[in-house]
């Protein structure tokens, strides 16, 4: 499925890695918007330098203020993903590729439709490819509540395909309780951005902070 044209972020919005400073606001957004309560270990991975499989980014809104030279930015969205090896074939466990699983993706309501979610997704995908050295990351996927039509439509606009079937009982506190799996192959666009990052910065992961 083709993706819509990329929407540029407002000039006062940047994407950055989650840090101990931004973690409290990042955690509030996730716990307020999303229907799953995540344990402390999840947020520990958000900022852990040793968690090589976790990618956690936040969107920062820098308020324009003539009276304050450098007001603190506001966390307005976040994404957390996990790189996971997947056997390429059930009978060949030694040959694996990696999938990027979107664990959380949320944006505060007043800042939606500004391209924040798309930018978070794009940067997380870019970071995953860079971190892996441009080899092995084949696709990106997520679970979406089956009744969340807006989210399913958003993922479709981002080039995801909705897979057949429903994962029953995925959301224990929601009715209906099922989830749909959305998936997109990681293709030339992401690898090209990863290559540019690698050549420009010499590393891939740190470049995810640049806008």
N, C-alpha and C. Protein backbone atom coordinates (compact mmCIF):
# COMPACT_ATOMS: atom_id res chain seq x y z
N UNK A 1 0.84 -1.19 0.00
CA UNK A 1 0.00 0.00 0.00
C UNK A 1 0.88 1.25 0.00
N UNK A 2 0.60 2.21 -0.86
CA UNK A 2 1.41 3.42 -0.96
C UNK A 2 1.14 4.34 0.21
N UNK A 3 2.19 5.04 0.62
CA UNK A 3 2.05 5.99 1.71
C UNK A 3 1.70 7.37 1.16
N UNK A 4 1.02 8.16 1.99
CA UNK A 4 0.72 9.52 1.60
C UNK A 4 1.99 10.36 1.65
N UNK A 5 1.96 11.51 1.01
CA UNK A 5 3.09 12.41 1.00
C UNK A 5 3.48 12.81 2.42
N UNK A 6 4.78 12.84 2.69
CA UNK A 6 5.27 13.14 4.02
C UNK A 6 4.90 14.57 4.42
N UNK A 7 4.34 14.71 5.61
CA UNK A 7 3.97 16.02 6.14
C UNK A 7 5.13 16.55 6.98
N UNK A 8 5.56 17.76 6.67
CA UNK A 8 6.66 18.35 7.42
C UNK A 8 6.20 18.76 8.81
N UNK A 9 7.08 18.57 9.79
CA UNK A 9 6.77 19.00 11.15
C UNK A 9 6.81 20.51 11.25
N UNK A 10 6.03 21.09 12.18
CA UNK A 10 6.20 22.51 12.48
C UNK A 10 7.65 22.77 12.91
N UNK A 11 8.19 23.94 12.62
CA UNK A 11 9.60 24.21 12.91
C UNK A 11 9.97 24.16 14.39
N UNK A 12 8.97 24.27 15.28
CA UNK A 12 9.28 24.25 16.71
C UNK A 12 9.04 22.87 17.34
N UNK A 13 8.94 21.83 16.50
CA UNK A 13 8.81 20.46 17.00
C UNK A 13 10.05 19.67 16.61
N UNK A 14 10.66 19.00 17.57
CA UNK A 14 11.80 18.15 17.31
C UNK A 14 11.55 16.75 17.86
N UNK A 15 12.30 15.79 17.33
CA UNK A 15 12.23 14.41 17.80
C UNK A 15 13.54 14.09 18.50
N UNK A 16 13.47 13.51 19.70
CA UNK A 16 14.67 13.22 20.47
C UNK A 16 14.52 11.90 21.21
N UNK A 17 15.64 11.32 21.59
CA UNK A 17 15.61 10.13 22.44
C UNK A 17 15.00 10.50 23.80
N UNK A 18 14.29 9.56 24.39
CA UNK A 18 13.77 9.76 25.74
C UNK A 18 14.95 9.77 26.72
N UNK A 19 14.94 10.72 27.63
CA UNK A 19 15.99 10.87 28.63
C UNK A 19 15.37 10.84 30.03
N UNK A 20 16.18 10.75 31.08
CA UNK A 20 15.62 10.82 32.43
C UNK A 20 14.80 12.09 32.67
N UNK A 21 15.16 13.18 31.99
CA UNK A 21 14.43 14.44 32.15
C UNK A 21 13.05 14.39 31.52
N UNK A 22 12.96 13.79 30.34
CA UNK A 22 11.68 13.76 29.63
C UNK A 22 10.84 12.52 29.97
N UNK A 23 11.43 11.56 30.68
CA UNK A 23 10.73 10.31 30.96
C UNK A 23 9.41 10.50 31.72
N UNK A 24 9.34 11.34 32.77
CA UNK A 24 8.06 11.48 33.49
C UNK A 24 6.91 11.92 32.59
N UNK A 25 7.15 12.92 31.73
CA UNK A 25 6.09 13.40 30.84
C UNK A 25 5.76 12.35 29.78
N UNK A 26 6.78 11.68 29.28
CA UNK A 26 6.60 10.59 28.31
C UNK A 26 5.73 9.49 28.91
N UNK A 27 6.00 9.16 30.16
CA UNK A 27 5.24 8.11 30.84
C UNK A 27 3.79 8.54 31.05
N UNK A 28 3.57 9.80 31.41
CA UNK A 28 2.20 10.29 31.62
C UNK A 28 1.38 10.20 30.33
N UNK A 29 2.00 10.55 29.21
CA UNK A 29 1.28 10.51 27.94
C UNK A 29 0.86 9.08 27.62
N UNK A 30 1.77 8.15 27.78
CA UNK A 30 1.46 6.75 27.45
C UNK A 30 0.38 6.20 28.37
N UNK A 31 0.51 6.46 29.67
CA UNK A 31 -0.45 5.90 30.64
C UNK A 31 -1.82 6.56 30.52
N UNK A 32 -1.87 7.80 30.03
CA UNK A 32 -3.14 8.50 29.90
C UNK A 32 -3.89 8.12 28.62
N UNK A 33 -3.16 7.96 27.52
CA UNK A 33 -3.79 7.77 26.23
C UNK A 33 -4.04 6.31 25.90
N UNK A 34 -3.10 5.44 26.25
CA UNK A 34 -3.17 4.06 25.80
C UNK A 34 -3.87 3.16 26.82
N UNK A 35 -4.54 2.09 26.36
CA UNK A 35 -5.35 1.26 27.25
C UNK A 35 -4.58 0.18 28.01
N UNK A 36 -3.26 0.13 27.85
CA UNK A 36 -2.45 -0.87 28.53
C UNK A 36 -1.56 -0.19 29.56
N UNK A 37 -1.53 -0.74 30.76
CA UNK A 37 -0.64 -0.22 31.79
C UNK A 37 0.68 -0.97 31.74
N UNK A 38 1.75 -0.24 31.50
CA UNK A 38 3.07 -0.86 31.36
C UNK A 38 3.82 -0.85 32.69
N UNK A 39 4.61 -1.89 32.96
CA UNK A 39 5.35 -1.96 34.23
C UNK A 39 6.54 -1.01 34.24
N UNK A 40 7.11 -0.84 35.42
CA UNK A 40 8.28 0.03 35.56
C UNK A 40 9.43 -0.41 34.67
N UNK A 41 9.55 -1.72 34.45
CA UNK A 41 10.65 -2.23 33.63
C UNK A 41 10.56 -1.73 32.19
N UNK A 42 9.35 -1.50 31.71
CA UNK A 42 9.16 -0.97 30.36
C UNK A 42 9.79 0.41 30.25
N UNK A 43 9.55 1.26 31.25
CA UNK A 43 10.09 2.62 31.22
C UNK A 43 11.58 2.63 31.56
N UNK A 44 12.03 1.65 32.30
CA UNK A 44 13.48 1.52 32.52
C UNK A 44 14.18 1.29 31.19
N UNK A 45 13.59 0.45 30.34
CA UNK A 45 14.17 0.20 29.02
C UNK A 45 14.15 1.45 28.15
N UNK A 46 13.21 2.37 28.41
CA UNK A 46 13.10 3.58 27.59
C UNK A 46 14.38 4.40 27.62
N UNK A 47 15.08 4.37 28.74
CA UNK A 47 16.27 5.20 28.91
C UNK A 47 17.52 4.40 29.20
N UNK A 48 17.42 3.08 29.16
CA UNK A 48 18.58 2.24 29.49
C UNK A 48 19.57 2.21 28.33
N UNK A 49 20.83 2.59 28.58
CA UNK A 49 21.82 2.56 27.50
C UNK A 49 22.22 1.14 27.11
N UNK A 50 21.87 0.16 27.95
CA UNK A 50 22.25 -1.23 27.67
C UNK A 50 21.13 -2.00 26.97
N UNK A 51 19.99 -1.36 26.77
CA UNK A 51 18.86 -2.05 26.11
C UNK A 51 19.00 -1.86 24.60
N UNK A 52 19.76 -2.75 23.98
CA UNK A 52 20.07 -2.60 22.56
C UNK A 52 18.87 -2.87 21.65
N UNK A 53 17.83 -3.50 22.20
CA UNK A 53 16.67 -3.83 21.37
C UNK A 53 15.56 -2.79 21.44
N UNK A 54 15.67 -1.82 22.35
CA UNK A 54 14.60 -0.84 22.56
C UNK A 54 14.94 0.49 21.90
N UNK A 55 13.94 1.06 21.25
CA UNK A 55 14.04 2.40 20.67
C UNK A 55 12.91 3.23 21.25
N UNK A 56 13.24 4.29 21.96
CA UNK A 56 12.23 5.15 22.60
C UNK A 56 12.52 6.61 22.23
N UNK A 57 11.56 7.23 21.57
CA UNK A 57 11.70 8.62 21.12
C UNK A 57 10.51 9.43 21.59
N UNK A 58 10.73 10.73 21.77
CA UNK A 58 9.63 11.62 22.12
C UNK A 58 9.63 12.83 21.20
N UNK A 59 8.45 13.42 21.07
CA UNK A 59 8.30 14.65 20.29
C UNK A 59 8.27 15.82 21.27
N UNK A 60 9.09 16.82 21.00
CA UNK A 60 9.21 17.98 21.88
C UNK A 60 8.69 19.23 21.18
N UNK A 61 7.76 19.90 21.86
CA UNK A 61 7.21 21.17 21.37
C UNK A 61 7.93 22.30 22.09
N UNK A 62 8.58 23.16 21.31
CA UNK A 62 9.32 24.28 21.88
C UNK A 62 8.43 25.52 21.79
N UNK A 63 7.85 25.94 22.93
CA UNK A 63 6.90 27.06 22.89
C UNK A 63 7.59 28.36 22.49
N UNK A 64 7.03 29.07 21.52
CA UNK A 64 7.57 30.39 21.19
C UNK A 64 7.18 31.38 22.29
N UNK A 65 8.16 31.97 22.90
CA UNK A 65 7.88 32.90 24.00
C UNK A 65 8.83 34.08 23.94
N UNK A 66 8.30 35.26 23.65
CA UNK A 66 9.17 36.44 23.59
C UNK A 66 9.72 36.85 24.95
N UNK A 67 9.05 36.46 26.03
CA UNK A 67 9.48 36.89 27.36
C UNK A 67 10.48 35.94 27.99
N UNK A 68 10.50 34.68 27.52
CA UNK A 68 11.43 33.70 28.07
C UNK A 68 12.38 33.27 26.96
N UNK A 69 13.69 33.52 27.11
CA UNK A 69 14.65 33.22 26.05
C UNK A 69 14.64 31.76 25.62
N UNK A 70 14.64 30.84 26.58
CA UNK A 70 14.71 29.41 26.26
C UNK A 70 13.76 28.61 27.15
N UNK A 71 12.45 28.70 26.90
CA UNK A 71 11.50 27.94 27.71
C UNK A 71 11.72 26.44 27.52
N UNK A 72 11.43 25.67 28.57
CA UNK A 72 11.61 24.23 28.48
C UNK A 72 10.64 23.65 27.46
N UNK A 73 11.10 22.72 26.63
CA UNK A 73 10.19 22.10 25.66
C UNK A 73 9.18 21.20 26.36
N UNK A 74 8.05 20.98 25.69
CA UNK A 74 6.97 20.17 26.23
C UNK A 74 6.93 18.85 25.45
N UNK A 75 6.87 17.74 26.18
CA UNK A 75 6.73 16.44 25.54
C UNK A 75 5.28 16.29 25.08
N UNK A 76 5.07 16.12 23.77
CA UNK A 76 3.72 16.07 23.23
C UNK A 76 3.40 14.72 22.57
N UNK A 77 4.37 13.83 22.53
CA UNK A 77 4.13 12.52 21.94
C UNK A 77 5.32 11.61 22.16
N UNK A 78 5.12 10.33 21.89
CA UNK A 78 6.21 9.39 22.07
C UNK A 78 5.96 8.08 21.35
N UNK A 79 7.05 7.38 21.10
CA UNK A 79 6.97 6.05 20.48
C UNK A 79 8.02 5.17 21.15
N UNK A 80 7.66 3.92 21.38
CA UNK A 80 8.62 2.95 21.88
C UNK A 80 8.47 1.67 21.08
N UNK A 81 9.60 1.17 20.58
CA UNK A 81 9.61 -0.02 19.74
C UNK A 81 10.65 -1.01 20.26
N UNK A 82 10.50 -2.23 19.83
CA UNK A 82 11.45 -3.28 20.20
C UNK A 82 11.87 -4.06 18.96
N UNK A 83 13.17 -4.23 18.79
CA UNK A 83 13.69 -5.07 17.72
C UNK A 83 13.67 -6.52 18.17
N UNK A 84 13.07 -7.37 17.37
CA UNK A 84 12.95 -8.77 17.76
C UNK A 84 13.33 -9.67 16.59
N UNK A 85 14.19 -10.67 16.84
CA UNK A 85 14.54 -11.61 15.77
C UNK A 85 13.37 -12.52 15.45
N UNK A 86 13.20 -12.79 14.18
CA UNK A 86 12.12 -13.66 13.71
C UNK A 86 12.71 -14.71 12.78
N UNK A 87 12.50 -16.00 13.04
CA UNK A 87 13.01 -17.03 12.12
C UNK A 87 12.48 -16.81 10.71
N UNK A 88 13.37 -16.86 9.73
CA UNK A 88 12.94 -16.67 8.35
C UNK A 88 12.13 -17.84 7.84
N UNK A 89 12.32 -18.99 8.46
CA UNK A 89 11.55 -20.17 8.08
C UNK A 89 11.53 -21.09 9.29
N UNK A 90 10.40 -21.71 9.60
CA UNK A 90 10.30 -22.56 10.79
C UNK A 90 11.35 -23.65 10.87
N UNK A 91 11.82 -24.14 9.74
CA UNK A 91 12.81 -25.22 9.74
C UNK A 91 14.24 -24.72 9.70
N UNK A 92 14.42 -23.37 9.75
CA UNK A 92 15.77 -22.80 9.66
C UNK A 92 15.94 -21.73 10.72
N UNK A 93 16.09 -22.17 11.98
CA UNK A 93 16.13 -21.23 13.10
C UNK A 93 17.43 -20.43 13.15
N UNK A 94 18.46 -20.88 12.46
CA UNK A 94 19.73 -20.15 12.50
C UNK A 94 19.75 -18.99 11.53
N UNK A 95 18.77 -18.91 10.64
CA UNK A 95 18.70 -17.80 9.71
C UNK A 95 17.52 -16.92 10.12
N UNK A 96 17.83 -15.74 10.64
CA UNK A 96 16.77 -14.89 11.18
C UNK A 96 16.82 -13.51 10.55
N UNK A 97 15.68 -12.87 10.53
CA UNK A 97 15.64 -11.45 10.25
C UNK A 97 15.01 -10.78 11.46
N UNK A 98 14.95 -9.46 11.46
CA UNK A 98 14.40 -8.74 12.60
C UNK A 98 13.15 -7.99 12.18
N UNK A 99 12.21 -7.96 13.11
CA UNK A 99 11.03 -7.13 12.95
C UNK A 99 11.08 -6.02 14.00
N UNK A 100 10.58 -4.86 13.63
CA UNK A 100 10.46 -3.76 14.58
C UNK A 100 9.02 -3.72 15.06
N UNK A 101 8.83 -3.99 16.35
CA UNK A 101 7.48 -4.03 16.92
C UNK A 101 7.18 -2.72 17.63
N UNK A 102 6.10 -2.07 17.23
CA UNK A 102 5.68 -0.83 17.87
C UNK A 102 4.92 -1.19 19.14
N UNK A 103 5.53 -0.91 20.29
CA UNK A 103 4.87 -1.19 21.57
C UNK A 103 3.91 -0.07 21.94
N UNK A 104 4.33 1.17 21.75
CA UNK A 104 3.49 2.32 22.06
C UNK A 104 3.71 3.41 21.02
N UNK A 105 2.65 4.13 20.70
CA UNK A 105 2.73 5.31 19.85
C UNK A 105 1.57 6.20 20.22
N UNK A 106 1.86 7.38 20.76
CA UNK A 106 0.80 8.25 21.27
C UNK A 106 1.19 9.71 21.09
N UNK A 107 0.17 10.53 20.82
CA UNK A 107 0.36 11.98 20.69
C UNK A 107 -0.77 12.68 21.42
N UNK A 108 -0.47 13.73 22.15
CA UNK A 108 -1.50 14.50 22.83
C UNK A 108 -2.46 15.10 21.80
N UNK A 109 -3.74 15.12 22.14
CA UNK A 109 -4.79 15.52 21.20
C UNK A 109 -4.55 16.87 20.53
N UNK A 110 -4.14 17.93 21.26
CA UNK A 110 -3.97 19.23 20.59
C UNK A 110 -2.86 19.25 19.53
N UNK A 111 -2.00 18.25 19.55
CA UNK A 111 -0.85 18.25 18.63
C UNK A 111 -0.98 17.20 17.53
N UNK A 112 -2.16 16.60 17.42
CA UNK A 112 -2.39 15.65 16.33
C UNK A 112 -2.66 16.39 15.03
N UNK A 113 -2.54 15.68 13.94
CA UNK A 113 -2.72 16.23 12.59
C UNK A 113 -1.64 17.25 12.24
N UNK A 114 -0.54 17.22 12.95
CA UNK A 114 0.60 18.08 12.64
C UNK A 114 1.78 17.27 12.09
N UNK A 115 1.57 15.98 11.91
CA UNK A 115 2.64 15.14 11.42
C UNK A 115 3.54 14.57 12.50
N UNK A 116 3.15 14.74 13.79
CA UNK A 116 4.00 14.29 14.89
C UNK A 116 4.10 12.77 14.92
N UNK A 117 2.95 12.09 14.83
CA UNK A 117 2.97 10.63 14.86
C UNK A 117 3.76 10.05 13.70
N UNK A 118 3.58 10.62 12.52
CA UNK A 118 4.31 10.15 11.34
C UNK A 118 5.81 10.34 11.51
N UNK A 119 6.20 11.49 12.08
CA UNK A 119 7.62 11.75 12.29
C UNK A 119 8.22 10.80 13.31
N UNK A 120 7.49 10.51 14.39
CA UNK A 120 7.96 9.56 15.38
C UNK A 120 8.16 8.18 14.76
N UNK A 121 7.18 7.75 13.97
CA UNK A 121 7.28 6.45 13.31
C UNK A 121 8.46 6.41 12.35
N UNK A 122 8.62 7.48 11.58
CA UNK A 122 9.69 7.54 10.59
C UNK A 122 11.06 7.50 11.27
N UNK A 123 11.22 8.28 12.33
CA UNK A 123 12.51 8.34 13.03
C UNK A 123 12.82 7.02 13.73
N UNK A 124 11.80 6.37 14.30
CA UNK A 124 12.03 5.09 14.97
C UNK A 124 12.46 4.02 13.97
N UNK A 125 11.82 4.03 12.80
CA UNK A 125 12.18 3.07 11.76
C UNK A 125 13.60 3.33 11.28
N UNK A 126 13.91 4.59 11.05
CA UNK A 126 15.24 5.00 10.62
C UNK A 126 16.27 4.57 11.66
N UNK A 127 15.99 4.81 12.93
CA UNK A 127 16.92 4.45 14.00
C UNK A 127 17.15 2.94 14.06
N UNK A 128 16.08 2.17 13.83
CA UNK A 128 16.20 0.72 13.87
C UNK A 128 17.12 0.21 12.77
N UNK A 129 16.94 0.75 11.57
CA UNK A 129 17.78 0.33 10.45
C UNK A 129 19.23 0.74 10.70
N UNK A 130 19.42 1.95 11.21
CA UNK A 130 20.77 2.42 11.50
C UNK A 130 21.44 1.59 12.58
N UNK A 131 20.69 1.30 13.63
CA UNK A 131 21.25 0.54 14.74
C UNK A 131 21.67 -0.85 14.29
N UNK A 132 20.93 -1.41 13.37
CA UNK A 132 21.22 -2.76 12.90
C UNK A 132 22.26 -2.77 11.79
N UNK A 133 22.80 -1.61 11.47
CA UNK A 133 23.80 -1.54 10.42
C UNK A 133 23.23 -1.69 9.02
N UNK A 134 21.91 -1.49 8.90
CA UNK A 134 21.27 -1.56 7.59
C UNK A 134 21.04 -2.96 7.09
N UNK A 135 21.12 -3.94 7.98
CA UNK A 135 20.97 -5.32 7.52
C UNK A 135 20.06 -6.08 8.47
N UNK A 136 19.04 -6.73 7.91
CA UNK A 136 18.26 -7.66 8.72
C UNK A 136 16.90 -7.18 9.17
N UNK A 137 16.65 -5.86 9.23
CA UNK A 137 15.35 -5.38 9.66
C UNK A 137 14.42 -5.37 8.45
N UNK A 138 13.44 -6.25 8.47
CA UNK A 138 12.62 -6.45 7.28
C UNK A 138 11.27 -5.76 7.34
N UNK A 139 10.66 -5.69 8.54
CA UNK A 139 9.32 -5.13 8.59
C UNK A 139 9.06 -4.49 9.95
N UNK A 140 7.93 -3.79 10.01
CA UNK A 140 7.51 -3.11 11.23
C UNK A 140 6.02 -3.42 11.42
N UNK A 141 5.63 -3.71 12.67
CA UNK A 141 4.23 -4.08 12.89
C UNK A 141 3.76 -3.62 14.26
N UNK A 142 2.45 -3.68 14.45
CA UNK A 142 1.84 -3.24 15.71
C UNK A 142 0.50 -3.94 15.89
N UNK A 143 0.03 -3.96 17.13
CA UNK A 143 -1.33 -4.37 17.44
C UNK A 143 -2.19 -3.12 17.62
N UNK A 144 -3.37 -3.13 17.04
CA UNK A 144 -4.29 -2.01 17.12
C UNK A 144 -5.65 -2.53 17.57
N UNK A 145 -6.25 -1.85 18.53
CA UNK A 145 -7.58 -2.26 19.00
C UNK A 145 -8.54 -2.33 17.82
N UNK A 146 -9.25 -3.43 17.72
CA UNK A 146 -10.09 -3.69 16.55
C UNK A 146 -11.17 -2.62 16.33
N UNK A 147 -11.59 -1.94 17.40
CA UNK A 147 -12.64 -0.93 17.28
C UNK A 147 -12.08 0.48 17.03
N UNK A 148 -10.76 0.61 17.01
CA UNK A 148 -10.14 1.93 16.82
C UNK A 148 -9.98 2.19 15.32
N UNK A 149 -11.05 2.60 14.69
CA UNK A 149 -11.05 2.80 13.25
C UNK A 149 -10.11 3.92 12.84
N UNK A 150 -10.02 4.97 13.66
CA UNK A 150 -9.12 6.08 13.32
C UNK A 150 -7.68 5.61 13.26
N UNK A 151 -7.27 4.79 14.24
CA UNK A 151 -5.89 4.30 14.26
C UNK A 151 -5.63 3.37 13.07
N UNK A 152 -6.59 2.50 12.76
CA UNK A 152 -6.42 1.60 11.63
C UNK A 152 -6.30 2.38 10.33
N UNK A 153 -7.09 3.44 10.19
CA UNK A 153 -7.01 4.28 9.00
C UNK A 153 -5.68 5.02 8.94
N UNK A 154 -5.19 5.47 10.11
CA UNK A 154 -3.91 6.18 10.15
C UNK A 154 -2.78 5.27 9.70
N UNK A 155 -2.77 4.05 10.21
CA UNK A 155 -1.72 3.11 9.81
C UNK A 155 -1.82 2.80 8.32
N UNK A 156 -3.04 2.70 7.80
CA UNK A 156 -3.20 2.44 6.37
C UNK A 156 -2.59 3.58 5.55
N UNK A 157 -2.78 4.82 6.01
CA UNK A 157 -2.19 5.97 5.31
C UNK A 157 -0.67 5.95 5.38
N UNK A 158 -0.14 5.30 6.42
CA UNK A 158 1.32 5.19 6.57
C UNK A 158 1.89 3.99 5.81
N UNK A 159 1.05 3.33 5.05
CA UNK A 159 1.53 2.25 4.22
C UNK A 159 1.44 0.87 4.83
N UNK A 160 0.74 0.74 5.96
CA UNK A 160 0.59 -0.55 6.61
C UNK A 160 -0.60 -1.31 6.02
N UNK A 161 -0.48 -2.61 6.00
CA UNK A 161 -1.59 -3.48 5.62
C UNK A 161 -2.18 -4.09 6.88
N UNK A 162 -3.51 -4.15 6.93
CA UNK A 162 -4.19 -4.78 8.06
C UNK A 162 -4.31 -6.27 7.76
N UNK A 163 -3.70 -7.08 8.61
CA UNK A 163 -3.71 -8.52 8.35
C UNK A 163 -5.08 -9.13 8.67
N UNK A 164 -5.35 -10.24 8.04
CA UNK A 164 -6.61 -10.92 8.28
C UNK A 164 -6.67 -11.46 9.71
N UNK A 165 -7.89 -11.56 10.21
CA UNK A 165 -8.07 -12.15 11.52
C UNK A 165 -7.94 -11.14 12.66
N UNK A 166 -8.44 -11.56 13.81
CA UNK A 166 -8.41 -10.75 15.02
C UNK A 166 -7.72 -11.53 16.13
N UNK A 167 -6.81 -10.87 16.86
CA UNK A 167 -6.17 -11.49 18.02
C UNK A 167 -7.13 -11.30 19.19
N UNK A 168 -7.91 -12.32 19.48
CA UNK A 168 -8.95 -12.21 20.52
C UNK A 168 -8.32 -12.11 21.91
N UNK A 169 -8.95 -11.27 22.75
CA UNK A 169 -8.53 -11.14 24.14
C UNK A 169 -7.25 -10.38 24.35
N UNK A 170 -6.76 -9.66 23.34
CA UNK A 170 -5.49 -8.94 23.48
C UNK A 170 -5.62 -7.79 24.47
N UNK A 171 -6.74 -7.08 24.42
CA UNK A 171 -6.99 -5.97 25.34
C UNK A 171 -7.98 -6.42 26.40
N UNK A 172 -7.49 -6.76 27.55
CA UNK A 172 -8.34 -7.37 28.58
C UNK A 172 -9.34 -6.39 29.19
N UNK A 173 -9.06 -5.09 29.11
CA UNK A 173 -9.94 -4.10 29.73
C UNK A 173 -10.85 -3.40 28.73
N UNK A 174 -10.82 -3.81 27.49
CA UNK A 174 -11.64 -3.18 26.46
C UNK A 174 -12.66 -4.18 25.91
N UNK A 175 -13.77 -3.64 25.43
CA UNK A 175 -14.78 -4.46 24.76
C UNK A 175 -15.18 -3.77 23.47
N UNK A 176 -15.02 -4.44 22.33
CA UNK A 176 -14.47 -5.78 22.16
C UNK A 176 -12.99 -5.82 22.55
N UNK A 177 -12.49 -7.02 22.80
CA UNK A 177 -11.15 -7.17 23.36
C UNK A 177 -10.08 -7.51 22.33
N UNK A 178 -10.47 -7.60 21.06
CA UNK A 178 -9.54 -8.06 20.04
C UNK A 178 -8.63 -6.98 19.49
N UNK A 179 -7.55 -7.43 18.86
CA UNK A 179 -6.59 -6.53 18.21
C UNK A 179 -6.39 -6.98 16.77
N UNK A 180 -6.17 -6.00 15.90
CA UNK A 180 -5.77 -6.28 14.54
C UNK A 180 -4.27 -6.03 14.43
N UNK A 181 -3.61 -6.83 13.64
CA UNK A 181 -2.18 -6.65 13.40
C UNK A 181 -2.00 -5.86 12.11
N UNK A 182 -1.25 -4.79 12.20
CA UNK A 182 -0.90 -3.99 11.01
C UNK A 182 0.59 -4.15 10.76
N UNK A 183 0.95 -4.27 9.48
CA UNK A 183 2.36 -4.57 9.16
C UNK A 183 2.76 -3.86 7.87
N UNK A 184 4.03 -3.44 7.85
CA UNK A 184 4.59 -2.82 6.65
C UNK A 184 6.02 -3.27 6.46
N UNK A 185 6.37 -3.60 5.26
CA UNK A 185 7.75 -3.94 4.97
C UNK A 185 8.61 -2.69 5.01
N UNK A 186 9.83 -2.84 5.49
CA UNK A 186 10.79 -1.74 5.49
C UNK A 186 11.55 -1.80 4.18
N UNK A 187 11.44 -0.74 3.41
CA UNK A 187 11.97 -0.77 2.06
C UNK A 187 13.05 0.25 1.78
N UNK A 188 13.12 0.65 0.52
CA UNK A 188 14.20 1.50 0.04
C UNK A 188 14.24 2.83 0.78
N UNK A 189 13.06 3.40 1.06
CA UNK A 189 13.01 4.72 1.71
C UNK A 189 13.76 4.72 3.03
N UNK A 190 13.47 3.73 3.89
CA UNK A 190 14.11 3.67 5.20
C UNK A 190 15.60 3.37 5.09
N UNK A 191 15.96 2.46 4.19
CA UNK A 191 17.37 2.12 4.04
C UNK A 191 18.16 3.29 3.47
N UNK A 192 17.54 4.07 2.61
CA UNK A 192 18.23 5.24 2.05
C UNK A 192 18.49 6.27 3.14
N UNK A 193 17.50 6.52 4.00
CA UNK A 193 17.71 7.45 5.10
C UNK A 193 18.77 6.94 6.06
N UNK A 194 18.78 5.64 6.32
CA UNK A 194 19.78 5.06 7.21
C UNK A 194 21.17 5.23 6.62
N UNK A 195 21.29 5.04 5.33
CA UNK A 195 22.59 5.18 4.67
C UNK A 195 23.08 6.62 4.76
N UNK A 196 22.18 7.57 4.52
CA UNK A 196 22.56 8.98 4.62
C UNK A 196 23.01 9.33 6.03
N UNK A 197 22.29 8.79 7.03
CA UNK A 197 22.65 9.04 8.42
C UNK A 197 24.03 8.48 8.72
N UNK A 198 24.26 7.26 8.27
CA UNK A 198 25.53 6.59 8.53
C UNK A 198 26.69 7.37 7.93
N UNK A 199 26.51 7.83 6.67
CA UNK A 199 27.58 8.55 5.99
C UNK A 199 27.80 9.94 6.57
N UNK A 200 26.72 10.57 7.04
CA UNK A 200 26.83 11.94 7.55
C UNK A 200 27.38 11.98 8.97
N UNK A 201 26.99 11.01 9.80
CA UNK A 201 27.31 11.06 11.21
C UNK A 201 28.32 10.00 11.64
N UNK A 202 28.53 8.99 10.81
CA UNK A 202 29.45 7.93 11.18
C UNK A 202 28.81 6.88 12.06
N UNK A 203 27.65 7.18 12.60
CA UNK A 203 26.89 6.24 13.42
C UNK A 203 25.44 6.36 13.01
N UNK A 204 24.64 5.43 13.42
CA UNK A 204 23.26 5.47 13.02
C UNK A 204 22.31 5.87 14.11
N UNK A 205 22.46 5.29 15.31
CA UNK A 205 21.46 5.48 16.36
C UNK A 205 21.39 6.91 16.83
N UNK A 206 22.56 7.56 17.07
CA UNK A 206 22.54 8.92 17.60
C UNK A 206 21.86 9.88 16.65
N UNK A 207 21.90 9.58 15.36
CA UNK A 207 21.32 10.47 14.37
C UNK A 207 19.81 10.55 14.48
N UNK A 208 19.20 9.63 15.21
CA UNK A 208 17.75 9.69 15.37
C UNK A 208 17.32 10.93 16.12
N UNK A 209 18.24 11.57 16.83
CA UNK A 209 17.89 12.76 17.57
C UNK A 209 17.85 13.99 16.69
N UNK A 210 18.50 13.95 15.54
CA UNK A 210 18.58 15.12 14.69
C UNK A 210 17.29 15.33 13.95
N UNK A 211 16.98 16.57 13.70
CA UNK A 211 15.75 16.85 12.94
C UNK A 211 16.12 17.32 11.55
